[in-house]
Amino acid sequence: YLRRTMDHSLRLAGSAFQLLPSSAWTPEVE
């Protein structure tokens, strides 16, 4: 259960990142 809720937090963080413009460190952040 805890893994699922933590995975969900990571997915939401990743989705928010996709809305940001690219920068010199985009590959490293990804």
mmCIF file of all heavy atoms, coordinates in Angstrom:
data_MODEL
# 
_entry.id   MODEL 
# 
loop_
_atom_site.group_PDB 
_atom_site.id 
_atom_site.type_symbol 
_atom_site.label_atom_id 
_atom_site.label_alt_id 
_atom_site.label_comp_id 
_atom_site.label_asym_id 
_atom_site.label_entity_id 
_atom_site.label_seq_id 
_atom_site.pdbx_PDB_ins_code 
_atom_site.Cartn_x 
_atom_site.Cartn_y 
_atom_site.Cartn_z 
_atom_site.occupancy 
_atom_site.B_iso_or_equiv 
_atom_site.pdbx_formal_charge 
_atom_site.auth_seq_id 
_atom_site.auth_comp_id 
_atom_site.auth_asym_id 
_atom_site.auth_atom_id 
_atom_site.pdbx_PDB_model_num 
ATOM 1   N N   . TYR A 1 1  ? 0.826  -1.210 0.000   1.00 0.00 ? 1  TYR A N   1 
ATOM 2   C CA  . TYR A 1 1  ? 0.000  0.000  0.000   1.00 0.00 ? 1  TYR A CA  1 
ATOM 3   C C   . TYR A 1 1  ? 0.861  1.261  0.000   1.00 0.00 ? 1  TYR A C   1 
ATOM 4   O O   . TYR A 1 1  ? 0.616  2.197  -0.761  1.00 0.00 ? 1  TYR A O   1 
ATOM 5   C CB  . TYR A 1 1  ? -0.924 -0.006 1.218   1.00 0.00 ? 1  TYR A CB  1 
ATOM 6   C CG  . TYR A 1 1  ? -1.728 1.268  1.371   1.00 0.00 ? 1  TYR A CG  1 
ATOM 7   C CD1 . TYR A 1 1  ? -2.940 1.428  0.711   1.00 0.00 ? 1  TYR A CD1 1 
ATOM 8   C CD2 . TYR A 1 1  ? -1.250 2.322  2.156   1.00 0.00 ? 1  TYR A CD2 1 
ATOM 9   C CE1 . TYR A 1 1  ? -3.667 2.607  0.828   1.00 0.00 ? 1  TYR A CE1 1 
ATOM 10  C CE2 . TYR A 1 1  ? -1.965 3.501  2.281   1.00 0.00 ? 1  TYR A CE2 1 
ATOM 11  C CZ  . TYR A 1 1  ? -3.172 3.643  1.623   1.00 0.00 ? 1  TYR A CZ  1 
ATOM 12  O OH  . TYR A 1 1  ? -3.873 4.814  1.730   1.00 0.00 ? 1  TYR A OH  1 
ATOM 13  N N   . LEU A 1 2  ? 1.881  1.280  0.868   1.00 0.00 ? 2  LEU A N   1 
ATOM 14  C CA  . LEU A 1 2  ? 2.727  2.470  0.952   1.00 0.00 ? 2  LEU A CA  1 
ATOM 15  C C   . LEU A 1 2  ? 3.513  2.661  -0.332  1.00 0.00 ? 2  LEU A C   1 
ATOM 16  O O   . LEU A 1 2  ? 3.697  3.794  -0.799  1.00 0.00 ? 2  LEU A O   1 
ATOM 17  C CB  . LEU A 1 2  ? 3.676  2.360  2.145   1.00 0.00 ? 2  LEU A CB  1 
ATOM 18  C CG  . LEU A 1 2  ? 4.453  3.636  2.485   1.00 0.00 ? 2  LEU A CG  1 
ATOM 19  C CD1 . LEU A 1 2  ? 3.495  4.791  2.792   1.00 0.00 ? 2  LEU A CD1 1 
ATOM 20  C CD2 . LEU A 1 2  ? 5.388  3.416  3.668   1.00 0.00 ? 2  LEU A CD2 1 
ATOM 21  N N   . ARG A 1 3  ? 3.975  1.582  -0.934  1.00 0.00 ? 3  ARG A N   1 
ATOM 22  C CA  . ARG A 1 3  ? 4.671  1.700  -2.221  1.00 0.00 ? 3  ARG A CA  1 
ATOM 23  C C   . ARG A 1 3  ? 3.765  2.347  -3.269  1.00 0.00 ? 3  ARG A C   1 
ATOM 24  O O   . ARG A 1 3  ? 4.202  3.200  -4.048  1.00 0.00 ? 3  ARG A O   1 
ATOM 25  C CB  . ARG A 1 3  ? 5.108  0.324  -2.719  1.00 0.00 ? 3  ARG A CB  1 
ATOM 26  C CG  . ARG A 1 3  ? 6.370  -0.242 -2.078  1.00 0.00 ? 3  ARG A CG  1 
ATOM 27  C CD  . ARG A 1 3  ? 6.602  -1.643 -2.613  1.00 0.00 ? 3  ARG A CD  1 
ATOM 28  N NE  . ARG A 1 3  ? 7.767  -2.289 -2.067  1.00 0.00 ? 3  ARG A NE  1 
ATOM 29  C CZ  . ARG A 1 3  ? 8.962  -2.311 -2.643  1.00 0.00 ? 3  ARG A CZ  1 
ATOM 30  N NH1 . ARG A 1 3  ? 9.146  -1.686 -3.798  1.00 0.00 ? 3  ARG A NH1 1 
ATOM 31  N NH2 . ARG A 1 3  ? 9.978  -2.944 -2.086  1.00 0.00 ? 3  ARG A NH2 1 
ATOM 32  N N   . ARG A 1 4  ? 2.504  1.949  -3.289  1.00 0.00 ? 4  ARG A N   1 
ATOM 33  C CA  . ARG A 1 4  ? 1.586  2.494  -4.285  1.00 0.00 ? 4  ARG A CA  1 
ATOM 34  C C   . ARG A 1 4  ? 1.387  3.992  -4.102  1.00 0.00 ? 4  ARG A C   1 
ATOM 35  O O   . ARG A 1 4  ? 1.397  4.753  -5.076  1.00 0.00 ? 4  ARG A O   1 
ATOM 36  C CB  . ARG A 1 4  ? 0.237  1.767  -4.226  1.00 0.00 ? 4  ARG A CB  1 
ATOM 37  C CG  . ARG A 1 4  ? 0.249  0.369  -4.792  1.00 0.00 ? 4  ARG A CG  1 
ATOM 38  C CD  . ARG A 1 4  ? -1.156 -0.148 -5.031  1.00 0.00 ? 4  ARG A CD  1 
ATOM 39  N NE  . ARG A 1 4  ? -1.947 -0.244 -3.801  1.00 0.00 ? 4  ARG A NE  1 
ATOM 40  C CZ  . ARG A 1 4  ? -1.960 -1.312 -3.002  1.00 0.00 ? 4  ARG A CZ  1 
ATOM 41  N NH1 . ARG A 1 4  ? -1.224 -2.365 -3.303  1.00 0.00 ? 4  ARG A NH1 1 
ATOM 42  N NH2 . ARG A 1 4  ? -2.714 -1.329 -1.923  1.00 0.00 ? 4  ARG A NH2 1 
ATOM 43  N N   . THR A 1 5  ? 1.191  4.421  -2.869  1.00 0.00 ? 5  THR A N   1 
ATOM 44  C CA  . THR A 1 5  ? 0.962  5.861  -2.651  1.00 0.00 ? 5  THR A CA  1 
ATOM 45  C C   . THR A 1 5  ? 2.226  6.666  -2.926  1.00 0.00 ? 5  THR A C   1 
ATOM 46  O O   . THR A 1 5  ? 2.160  7.792  -3.433  1.00 0.00 ? 5  THR A O   1 
ATOM 47  C CB  . THR A 1 5  ? 0.432  6.133  -1.231  1.00 0.00 ? 5  THR A CB  1 
ATOM 48  O OG1 . THR A 1 5  ? 0.024  7.495  -1.140  1.00 0.00 ? 5  THR A OG1 1 
ATOM 49  C CG2 . THR A 1 5  ? 1.472  5.866  -0.160  1.00 0.00 ? 5  THR A CG2 1 
ATOM 50  N N   . MET A 1 6  ? 3.406  6.081  -2.655  1.00 0.00 ? 6  MET A N   1 
ATOM 51  C CA  . MET A 1 6  ? 4.650  6.775  -2.958  1.00 0.00 ? 6  MET A CA  1 
ATOM 52  C C   . MET A 1 6  ? 4.917  6.796  -4.462  1.00 0.00 ? 6  MET A C   1 
ATOM 53  O O   . MET A 1 6  ? 5.408  7.793  -4.995  1.00 0.00 ? 6  MET A O   1 
ATOM 54  C CB  . MET A 1 6  ? 5.805  6.122  -2.202  1.00 0.00 ? 6  MET A CB  1 
ATOM 55  C CG  . MET A 1 6  ? 5.701  6.327  -0.685  1.00 0.00 ? 6  MET A CG  1 
ATOM 56  S SD  . MET A 1 6  ? 6.905  5.378  0.251   1.00 0.00 ? 6  MET A SD  1 
ATOM 57  C CE  . MET A 1 6  ? 8.410  6.207  -0.268  1.00 0.00 ? 6  MET A CE  1 
ATOM 58  N N   . ASP A 1 7  ? 4.587  5.710  -5.144  1.00 0.00 ? 7  ASP A N   1 
ATOM 59  C CA  . ASP A 1 7  ? 4.700  5.698  -6.612  1.00 0.00 ? 7  ASP A CA  1 
ATOM 60  C C   . ASP A 1 7  ? 3.799  6.769  -7.223  1.00 0.00 ? 7  ASP A C   1 
ATOM 61  O O   . ASP A 1 7  ? 4.167  7.427  -8.210  1.00 0.00 ? 7  ASP A O   1 
ATOM 62  C CB  . ASP A 1 7  ? 4.307  4.330  -7.168  1.00 0.00 ? 7  ASP A CB  1 
ATOM 63  C CG  . ASP A 1 7  ? 5.351  3.256  -6.891  1.00 0.00 ? 7  ASP A CG  1 
ATOM 64  O OD1 . ASP A 1 7  ? 6.518  3.612  -6.614  1.00 0.00 ? 7  ASP A OD1 1 
ATOM 65  O OD2 . ASP A 1 7  ? 4.993  2.059  -6.967  1.00 0.00 ? 7  ASP A OD2 1 
ATOM 66  N N   . HIS A 1 8  ? 2.626  6.940  -6.638  1.00 0.00 ? 8  HIS A N   1 
ATOM 67  C CA  . HIS A 1 8  ? 1.694  7.950  -7.137  1.00 0.00 ? 8  HIS A CA  1 
ATOM 68  C C   . HIS A 1 8  ? 2.281  9.352  -6.971  1.00 0.00 ? 8  HIS A C   1 
ATOM 69  O O   . HIS A 1 8  ? 2.168  10.198 -7.879  1.00 0.00 ? 8  HIS A O   1 
ATOM 70  C CB  . HIS A 1 8  ? 0.367  7.845  -6.398  1.00 0.00 ? 8  HIS A CB  1 
ATOM 71  C CG  . HIS A 1 8  ? -0.699 8.755  -6.918  1.00 0.00 ? 8  HIS A CG  1 
ATOM 72  N ND1 . HIS A 1 8  ? -1.118 8.751  -8.233  1.00 0.00 ? 8  HIS A ND1 1 
ATOM 73  C CD2 . HIS A 1 8  ? -1.426 9.735  -6.296  1.00 0.00 ? 8  HIS A CD2 1 
ATOM 74  C CE1 . HIS A 1 8  ? -2.062 9.664  -8.396  1.00 0.00 ? 8  HIS A CE1 1 
ATOM 75  N NE2 . HIS A 1 8  ? -2.259 10.281 -7.252  1.00 0.00 ? 8  HIS A NE2 1 
ATOM 76  N N   . SER A 1 9  ? 2.932  9.604  -5.840  1.00 0.00 ? 9  SER A N   1 
ATOM 77  C CA  . SER A 1 9  ? 3.580  10.906 -5.641  1.00 0.00 ? 9  SER A CA  1 
ATOM 78  C C   . SER A 1 9  ? 4.662  11.138 -6.698  1.00 0.00 ? 9  SER A C   1 
ATOM 79  O O   . SER A 1 9  ? 4.793  12.246 -7.228  1.00 0.00 ? 9  SER A O   1 
ATOM 80  C CB  . SER A 1 9  ? 4.195  10.974 -4.237  1.00 0.00 ? 9  SER A CB  1 
ATOM 81  O OG  . SER A 1 9  ? 3.199  11.054 -3.248  1.00 0.00 ? 9  SER A OG  1 
ATOM 82  N N   . LEU A 1 10 ? 5.445  10.107 -7.002  1.00 0.00 ? 10 LEU A N   1 
ATOM 83  C CA  . LEU A 1 10 ? 6.487  10.251 -8.021  1.00 0.00 ? 10 LEU A CA  1 
ATOM 84  C C   . LEU A 1 10 ? 5.882  10.495 -9.403  1.00 0.00 ? 10 LEU A C   1 
ATOM 85  O O   . LEU A 1 10 ? 6.425  11.282 -10.197 1.00 0.00 ? 10 LEU A O   1 
ATOM 86  C CB  . LEU A 1 10 ? 7.376  9.009  -8.040  1.00 0.00 ? 10 LEU A CB  1 
ATOM 87  C CG  . LEU A 1 10 ? 8.267  8.792  -6.819  1.00 0.00 ? 10 LEU A CG  1 
ATOM 88  C CD1 . LEU A 1 10 ? 9.131  7.540  -7.014  1.00 0.00 ? 10 LEU A CD1 1 
ATOM 89  C CD2 . LEU A 1 10 ? 9.156  10.008 -6.558  1.00 0.00 ? 10 LEU A CD2 1 
ATOM 90  N N   . ARG A 1 11 ? 4.775  9.830  -9.702  1.00 0.00 ? 11 ARG A N   1 
ATOM 91  C CA  . ARG A 1 11 ? 4.128  10.057 -11.001 1.00 0.00 ? 11 ARG A CA  1 
ATOM 92  C C   . ARG A 1 11 ? 3.621  11.489 -11.116 1.00 0.00 ? 11 ARG A C   1 
ATOM 93  O O   . ARG A 1 11 ? 3.758  12.129 -12.178 1.00 0.00 ? 11 ARG A O   1 
ATOM 94  C CB  . ARG A 1 11 ? 2.978  9.067  -11.200 1.00 0.00 ? 11 ARG A CB  1 
ATOM 95  C CG  . ARG A 1 11 ? 3.418  7.665  -11.559 1.00 0.00 ? 11 ARG A CG  1 
ATOM 96  C CD  . ARG A 1 11 ? 2.253  6.841  -12.051 1.00 0.00 ? 11 ARG A CD  1 
ATOM 97  N NE  . ARG A 1 11 ? 1.245  6.627  -11.033 1.00 0.00 ? 11 ARG A NE  1 
ATOM 98  C CZ  . ARG A 1 11 ? 1.248  5.615  -10.169 1.00 0.00 ? 11 ARG A CZ  1 
ATOM 99  N NH1 . ARG A 1 11 ? 2.215  4.713  -10.218 1.00 0.00 ? 11 ARG A NH1 1 
ATOM 100 N NH2 . ARG A 1 11 ? 0.292  5.477  -9.281  1.00 0.00 ? 11 ARG A NH2 1 
ATOM 101 N N   . LEU A 1 12 ? 3.041  12.011 -10.041 1.00 0.00 ? 12 LEU A N   1 
ATOM 102 C CA  . LEU A 1 12 ? 2.543  13.386 -10.067 1.00 0.00 ? 12 LEU A CA  1 
ATOM 103 C C   . LEU A 1 12 ? 3.696  14.384 -10.189 1.00 0.00 ? 12 LEU A C   1 
ATOM 104 O O   . LEU A 1 12 ? 3.580  15.395 -10.895 1.00 0.00 ? 12 LEU A O   1 
ATOM 105 C CB  . LEU A 1 12 ? 1.722  13.670 -8.814  1.00 0.00 ? 12 LEU A CB  1 
ATOM 106 C CG  . LEU A 1 12 ? 0.377  12.938 -8.716  1.00 0.00 ? 12 LEU A CG  1 
ATOM 107 C CD1 . LEU A 1 12 ? -0.267 13.166 -7.359  1.00 0.00 ? 12 LEU A CD1 1 
ATOM 108 C CD2 . LEU A 1 12 ? -0.563 13.379 -9.835  1.00 0.00 ? 12 LEU A CD2 1 
ATOM 109 N N   . ALA A 1 13 ? 4.800  14.114 -9.516  1.00 0.00 ? 13 ALA A N   1 
ATOM 110 C CA  . ALA A 1 13 ? 5.973  14.978 -9.653  1.00 0.00 ? 13 ALA A CA  1 
ATOM 111 C C   . ALA A 1 13 ? 6.486  14.952 -11.087 1.00 0.00 ? 13 ALA A C   1 
ATOM 112 O O   . ALA A 1 13 ? 6.828  15.996 -11.661 1.00 0.00 ? 13 ALA A O   1 
ATOM 113 C CB  . ALA A 1 13 ? 7.061  14.543 -8.684  1.00 0.00 ? 13 ALA A CB  1 
ATOM 114 N N   . GLY A 1 14 ? 6.541  13.762 -11.669 1.00 0.00 ? 14 GLY A N   1 
ATOM 115 C CA  . GLY A 1 14 ? 6.989  13.652 -13.055 1.00 0.00 ? 14 GLY A CA  1 
ATOM 116 C C   . GLY A 1 14 ? 6.058  14.344 -14.030 1.00 0.00 ? 14 GLY A C   1 
ATOM 117 O O   . GLY A 1 14 ? 6.500  14.974 -14.994 1.00 0.00 ? 14 GLY A O   1 
ATOM 118 N N   . SER A 1 15 ? 4.762  14.242 -13.787 1.00 0.00 ? 15 SER A N   1 
ATOM 119 C CA  . SER A 1 15 ? 3.794  14.913 -14.664 1.00 0.00 ? 15 SER A CA  1 
ATOM 120 C C   . SER A 1 15 ? 3.950  16.422 -14.590 1.00 0.00 ? 15 SER A C   1 
ATOM 121 O O   . SER A 1 15 ? 3.860  17.122 -15.611 1.00 0.00 ? 15 SER A O   1 
ATOM 122 C CB  . SER A 1 15 ? 2.365  14.513 -14.266 1.00 0.00 ? 15 SER A CB  1 
ATOM 123 O OG  . SER A 1 15 ? 2.159  13.133 -14.451 1.00 0.00 ? 15 SER A OG  1 
ATOM 124 N N   . ALA A 1 16 ? 4.183  16.948 -13.390 1.00 0.00 ? 16 ALA A N   1 
ATOM 125 C CA  . ALA A 1 16 ? 4.392  18.388 -13.241 1.00 0.00 ? 16 ALA A CA  1 
ATOM 126 C C   . ALA A 1 16 ? 5.653  18.825 -13.973 1.00 0.00 ? 16 ALA A C   1 
ATOM 127 O O   . ALA A 1 16 ? 5.693  19.903 -14.587 1.00 0.00 ? 16 ALA A O   1 
ATOM 128 C CB  . ALA A 1 16 ? 4.479  18.755 -11.760 1.00 0.00 ? 16 ALA A CB  1 
ATOM 129 N N   . PHE A 1 17 ? 6.683  17.989 -13.933 1.00 0.00 ? 17 PHE A N   1 
ATOM 130 C CA  . PHE A 1 17 ? 7.929  18.340 -14.614 1.00 0.00 ? 17 PHE A CA  1 
ATOM 131 C C   . PHE A 1 17 ? 7.725  18.470 -16.120 1.00 0.00 ? 17 PHE A C   1 
ATOM 132 O O   . PHE A 1 17 ? 8.382  19.294 -16.774 1.00 0.00 ? 17 PHE A O   1 
ATOM 133 C CB  . PHE A 1 17 ? 8.998  17.289 -14.310 1.00 0.00 ? 17 PHE A CB  1 
ATOM 134 C CG  . PHE A 1 17 ? 10.295 17.539 -15.019 1.00 0.00 ? 17 PHE A CG  1 
ATOM 135 C CD1 . PHE A 1 17 ? 11.099 18.617 -14.673 1.00 0.00 ? 17 PHE A CD1 1 
ATOM 136 C CD2 . PHE A 1 17 ? 10.703 16.708 -16.055 1.00 0.00 ? 17 PHE A CD2 1 
ATOM 137 C CE1 . PHE A 1 17 ? 12.296 18.851 -15.336 1.00 0.00 ? 17 PHE A CE1 1 
ATOM 138 C CE2 . PHE A 1 17 ? 11.894 16.940 -16.723 1.00 0.00 ? 17 PHE A CE2 1 
ATOM 139 C CZ  . PHE A 1 17 ? 12.689 18.018 -16.363 1.00 0.00 ? 17 PHE A CZ  1 
ATOM 140 N N   . GLN A 1 18 ? 6.844  17.677 -16.683 1.00 0.00 ? 18 GLN A N   1 
ATOM 141 C CA  . GLN A 1 18 ? 6.606  17.724 -18.126 1.00 0.00 ? 18 GLN A CA  1 
ATOM 142 C C   . GLN A 1 18 ? 6.007  19.055 -18.581 1.00 0.00 ? 18 GLN A C   1 
ATOM 143 O O   . GLN A 1 18 ? 6.038  19.379 -19.771 1.00 0.00 ? 18 GLN A O   1 
ATOM 144 C CB  . GLN A 1 18 ? 5.681  16.578 -18.542 1.00 0.00 ? 18 GLN A CB  1 
ATOM 145 C CG  . GLN A 1 18 ? 6.294  15.199 -18.372 1.00 0.00 ? 18 GLN A CG  1 
ATOM 146 C CD  . GLN A 1 18 ? 7.579  15.035 -19.154 1.00 0.00 ? 18 GLN A CD  1 
ATOM 147 O OE1 . GLN A 1 18 ? 7.683  15.440 -20.308 1.00 0.00 ? 18 GLN A OE1 1 
ATOM 148 N NE2 . GLN A 1 18 ? 8.583  14.430 -18.519 1.00 0.00 ? 18 GLN A NE2 1 
ATOM 149 N N   . LEU A 1 19 ? 5.486  19.823 -17.656 1.00 0.00 ? 19 LEU A N   1 
ATOM 150 C CA  . LEU A 1 19 ? 4.895  21.126 -17.988 1.00 0.00 ? 19 LEU A CA  1 
ATOM 151 C C   . LEU A 1 19 ? 5.927  22.257 -17.994 1.00 0.00 ? 19 LEU A C   1 
ATOM 152 O O   . LEU A 1 19 ? 5.599  23.390 -18.355 1.00 0.00 ? 19 LEU A O   1 
ATOM 153 C CB  . LEU A 1 19 ? 3.789  21.468 -16.985 1.00 0.00 ? 19 LEU A CB  1 
ATOM 154 C CG  . LEU A 1 19 ? 2.631  20.470 -16.901 1.00 0.00 ? 19 LEU A CG  1 
ATOM 155 C CD1 . LEU A 1 19 ? 1.661  20.885 -15.796 1.00 0.00 ? 19 LEU A CD1 1 
ATOM 156 C CD2 . LEU A 1 19 ? 1.912  20.362 -18.236 1.00 0.00 ? 19 LEU A CD2 1 
ATOM 157 N N   . LEU A 1 20 ? 7.170  21.954 -17.608 1.00 0.00 ? 20 LEU A N   1 
ATOM 158 C CA  . LEU A 1 20 ? 8.201  22.977 -17.505 1.00 0.00 ? 20 LEU A CA  1 
ATOM 159 C C   . LEU A 1 20 ? 8.997  23.080 -18.801 1.00 0.00 ? 20 LEU A C   1 
ATOM 160 O O   . LEU A 1 20 ? 9.172  22.088 -19.516 1.00 0.00 ? 20 LEU A O   1 
ATOM 161 C CB  . LEU A 1 20 ? 9.151  22.657 -16.345 1.00 0.00 ? 20 LEU A CB  1 
ATOM 162 C CG  . LEU A 1 20 ? 8.520  22.624 -14.962 1.00 0.00 ? 20 LEU A CG  1 
ATOM 163 C CD1 . LEU A 1 20 ? 9.544  22.175 -13.921 1.00 0.00 ? 20 LEU A CD1 1 
ATOM 164 C CD2 . LEU A 1 20 ? 7.963  23.995 -14.594 1.00 0.00 ? 20 LEU A CD2 1 
ATOM 165 N N   . PRO A 1 21 ? 9.524  24.263 -19.108 1.00 0.00 ? 21 PRO A N   1 
ATOM 166 C CA  . PRO A 1 21 ? 10.384 24.392 -20.285 1.00 0.00 ? 21 PRO A CA  1 
ATOM 167 C C   . PRO A 1 21 ? 11.709 23.663 -20.075 1.00 0.00 ? 21 PRO A C   1 
ATOM 168 O O   . PRO A 1 21 ? 12.147 23.446 -18.942 1.00 0.00 ? 21 PRO A O   1 
ATOM 169 C CB  . PRO A 1 21 ? 10.593 25.911 -20.393 1.00 0.00 ? 21 PRO A CB  1 
ATOM 170 C CG  . PRO A 1 21 ? 10.386 26.428 -19.011 1.00 0.00 ? 21 PRO A CG  1 
ATOM 171 C CD  . PRO A 1 21 ? 9.340  25.544 -18.399 1.00 0.00 ? 21 PRO A CD  1 
ATOM 172 N N   . SER A 1 22 ? 12.347 23.301 -21.178 1.00 0.00 ? 22 SER A N   1 
ATOM 173 C CA  . SER A 1 22 ? 13.623 22.592 -21.097 1.00 0.00 ? 22 SER A CA  1 
ATOM 174 C C   . SER A 1 22 ? 14.727 23.526 -20.640 1.00 0.00 ? 22 SER A C   1 
ATOM 175 O O   . SER A 1 22 ? 14.672 24.739 -20.837 1.00 0.00 ? 22 SER A O   1 
ATOM 176 C CB  . SER A 1 22 ? 13.983 22.003 -22.466 1.00 0.00 ? 22 SER A CB  1 
ATOM 177 O OG  . SER A 1 22 ? 13.037 21.044 -22.867 1.00 0.00 ? 22 SER A OG  1 
ATOM 178 N N   . SER A 1 23 ? 15.744 22.927 -20.014 1.00 0.00 ? 23 SER A N   1 
ATOM 179 C CA  . SER A 1 23 ? 16.924 23.679 -19.596 1.00 0.00 ? 23 SER A CA  1 
ATOM 180 C C   . SER A 1 23 ? 18.152 22.815 -19.842 1.00 0.00 ? 23 SER A C   1 
ATOM 181 O O   . SER A 1 23 ? 18.053 21.677 -20.328 1.00 0.00 ? 23 SER A O   1 
ATOM 182 C CB  . SER A 1 23 ? 16.845 24.063 -18.113 1.00 0.00 ? 23 SER A CB  1 
ATOM 183 O OG  . SER A 1 23 ? 17.067 22.928 -17.292 1.00 0.00 ? 23 SER A OG  1 
ATOM 184 N N   . ALA A 1 24 ? 19.319 23.327 -19.500 1.00 0.00 ? 24 ALA A N   1 
ATOM 185 C CA  . ALA A 1 24 ? 20.559 22.586 -19.715 1.00 0.00 ? 24 ALA A CA  1 
ATOM 186 C C   . ALA A 1 24 ? 20.579 21.279 -18.929 1.00 0.00 ? 24 ALA A C   1 
ATOM 187 O O   . ALA A 1 24 ? 21.281 20.333 -19.308 1.00 0.00 ? 24 ALA A O   1 
ATOM 188 C CB  . ALA A 1 24 ? 21.762 23.457 -19.322 1.00 0.00 ? 24 ALA A CB  1 
ATOM 189 N N   . TRP A 1 25 ? 19.824 21.213 -17.834 1.00 0.00 ? 25 TRP A N   1 
ATOM 190 C CA  . TRP A 1 25 ? 19.849 20.034 -16.980 1.00 0.00 ? 25 TRP A CA  1 
ATOM 191 C C   . TRP A 1 25 ? 18.596 19.182 -17.091 1.00 0.00 ? 25 TRP A C   1 
ATOM 192 O O   . TRP A 1 25 ? 18.367 18.302 -16.253 1.00 0.00 ? 25 TRP A O   1 
ATOM 193 C CB  . TRP A 1 25 ? 20.049 20.463 -15.525 1.00 0.00 ? 25 TRP A CB  1 
ATOM 194 C CG  . TRP A 1 25 ? 21.467 20.788 -15.196 1.00 0.00 ? 25 TRP A CG  1 
ATOM 195 C CD1 . TRP A 1 25 ? 22.577 20.053 -15.488 1.00 0.00 ? 25 TRP A CD1 1 
ATOM 196 C CD2 . TRP A 1 25 ? 21.934 21.932 -14.490 1.00 0.00 ? 25 TRP A CD2 1 
ATOM 197 N NE1 . TRP A 1 25 ? 23.709 20.667 -15.008 1.00 0.00 ? 25 TRP A NE1 1 
ATOM 198 C CE2 . TRP A 1 25 ? 23.350 21.824 -14.385 1.00 0.00 ? 25 TRP A CE2 1 
ATOM 199 C CE3 . TRP A 1 25 ? 21.315 23.047 -13.932 1.00 0.00 ? 25 TRP A CE3 1 
ATOM 200 C CZ2 . TRP A 1 25 ? 24.125 22.777 -13.755 1.00 0.00 ? 25 TRP A CZ2 1 
ATOM 201 C CZ3 . TRP A 1 25 ? 22.083 23.999 -13.299 1.00 0.00 ? 25 TRP A CZ3 1 
ATOM 202 C CH2 . TRP A 1 25 ? 23.484 23.864 -13.214 1.00 0.00 ? 25 TRP A CH2 1 
ATOM 203 N N   . THR A 1 26 ? 17.795 19.369 -18.103 1.00 0.00 ? 26 THR A N   1 
ATOM 204 C CA  . THR A 1 26 ? 16.580 18.566 -18.245 1.00 0.00 ? 26 THR A CA  1 
ATOM 205 C C   . THR A 1 26 ? 16.862 17.065 -18.258 1.00 0.00 ? 26 THR A C   1 
ATOM 206 O O   . THR A 1 26 ? 16.180 16.302 -17.564 1.00 0.00 ? 26 THR A O   1 
ATOM 207 C CB  . THR A 1 26 ? 15.814 18.985 -19.509 1.00 0.00 ? 26 THR A CB  1 
ATOM 208 O OG1 . THR A 1 26 ? 15.274 20.300 -19.313 1.00 0.00 ? 26 THR A OG1 1 
ATOM 209 C CG2 . THR A 1 26 ? 14.669 18.026 -19.795 1.00 0.00 ? 26 THR A CG2 1 
ATOM 210 N N   . PRO A 1 27 ? 17.860 16.569 -19.004 1.00 0.00 ? 27 PRO A N   1 
ATOM 211 C CA  . PRO A 1 27 ? 18.110 15.109 -18.980 1.00 0.00 ? 27 PRO A CA  1 
ATOM 212 C C   . PRO A 1 27 ? 18.482 14.587 -17.600 1.00 0.00 ? 27 PRO A C   1 
ATOM 213 O O   . PRO A 1 27 ? 18.072 13.477 -17.222 1.00 0.00 ? 27 PRO A O   1 
ATOM 214 C CB  . PRO A 1 27 ? 19.271 14.936 -19.971 1.00 0.00 ? 27 PRO A CB  1 
ATOM 215 C CG  . PRO A 1 27 ? 19.211 16.129 -20.866 1.00 0.00 ? 27 PRO A CG  1 
ATOM 216 C CD  . PRO A 1 27 ? 18.736 17.237 -19.984 1.00 0.00 ? 27 PRO A CD  1 
ATOM 217 N N   . GLU A 1 28 ? 19.254 15.373 -16.839 1.00 0.00 ? 28 GLU A N   1 
ATOM 218 C CA  . GLU A 1 28 ? 19.660 14.919 -15.511 1.00 0.00 ? 28 GLU A CA  1 
ATOM 219 C C   . GLU A 1 28 ? 18.466 14.917 -14.547 1.00 0.00 ? 28 GLU A C   1 
ATOM 220 O O   . GLU A 1 28 ? 18.325 14.007 -13.719 1.00 0.00 ? 28 GLU A O   1 
ATOM 221 C CB  . GLU A 1 28 ? 20.775 15.807 -14.959 1.00 0.00 ? 28 GLU A CB  1 
ATOM 222 C CG  . GLU A 1 28 ? 22.102 15.669 -15.679 1.00 0.00 ? 28 GLU A CG  1 
ATOM 223 C CD  . GLU A 1 28 ? 22.120 16.377 -17.023 1.00 0.00 ? 28 GLU A CD  1 
ATOM 224 O OE1 . GLU A 1 28 ? 21.545 17.483 -17.131 1.00 0.00 ? 28 GLU A OE1 1 
ATOM 225 O OE2 . GLU A 1 28 ? 22.700 15.806 -17.975 1.00 0.00 ? 28 GLU A OE2 1 
ATOM 226 N N   . VAL A 1 29 ? 17.618 15.931 -14.644 1.00 0.00 ? 29 VAL A N   1 
ATOM 227 C CA  . VAL A 1 29 ? 16.429 15.969 -13.785 1.00 0.00 ? 29 VAL A CA  1 
ATOM 228 C C   . VAL A 1 29 ? 15.496 14.805 -14.123 1.00 0.00 ? 29 VAL A C   1 
ATOM 229 O O   . VAL A 1 29 ? 14.930 14.149 -13.232 1.00 0.00 ? 29 VAL A O   1 
ATOM 230 C CB  . VAL A 1 29 ? 15.703 17.314 -13.932 1.00 0.00 ? 29 VAL A CB  1 
ATOM 231 C CG1 . VAL A 1 29 ? 14.384 17.307 -13.142 1.00 0.00 ? 29 VAL A CG1 1 
ATOM 232 C CG2 . VAL A 1 29 ? 16.580 18.459 -13.444 1.00 0.00 ? 29 VAL A CG2 1 
ATOM 233 N N   . GLU A 1 30 ? 15.336 14.513 -15.411 1.00 0.00 ? 30 GLU A N   1 
ATOM 234 C CA  . GLU A 1 30 ? 14.522 13.369 -15.815 1.00 0.00 ? 30 GLU A CA  1 
ATOM 235 C C   . GLU A 1 30 ? 15.097 12.069 -15.265 1.00 0.00 ? 30 GLU A C   1 
ATOM 236 O O   . GLU A 1 30 ? 14.361 11.188 -14.803 1.00 0.00 ? 30 GLU A O   1 
ATOM 237 C CB  . GLU A 1 30 ? 14.437 13.299 -17.337 1.00 0.00 ? 30 GLU A CB  1 
ATOM 238 C CG  . GLU A 1 30 ? 13.583 14.391 -17.957 1.00 0.00 ? 30 GLU A CG  1 
ATOM 239 C CD  . GLU A 1 30 ? 13.559 14.312 -19.469 1.00 0.00 ? 30 GLU A CD  1 
ATOM 240 O OE1 . GLU A 1 30 ? 14.529 13.766 -20.047 1.00 0.00 ? 30 GLU A OE1 1 
ATOM 241 O OE2 . GLU A 1 30 ? 12.574 14.785 -20.065 1.00 0.00 ? 30 GLU A OE2 1 
# 
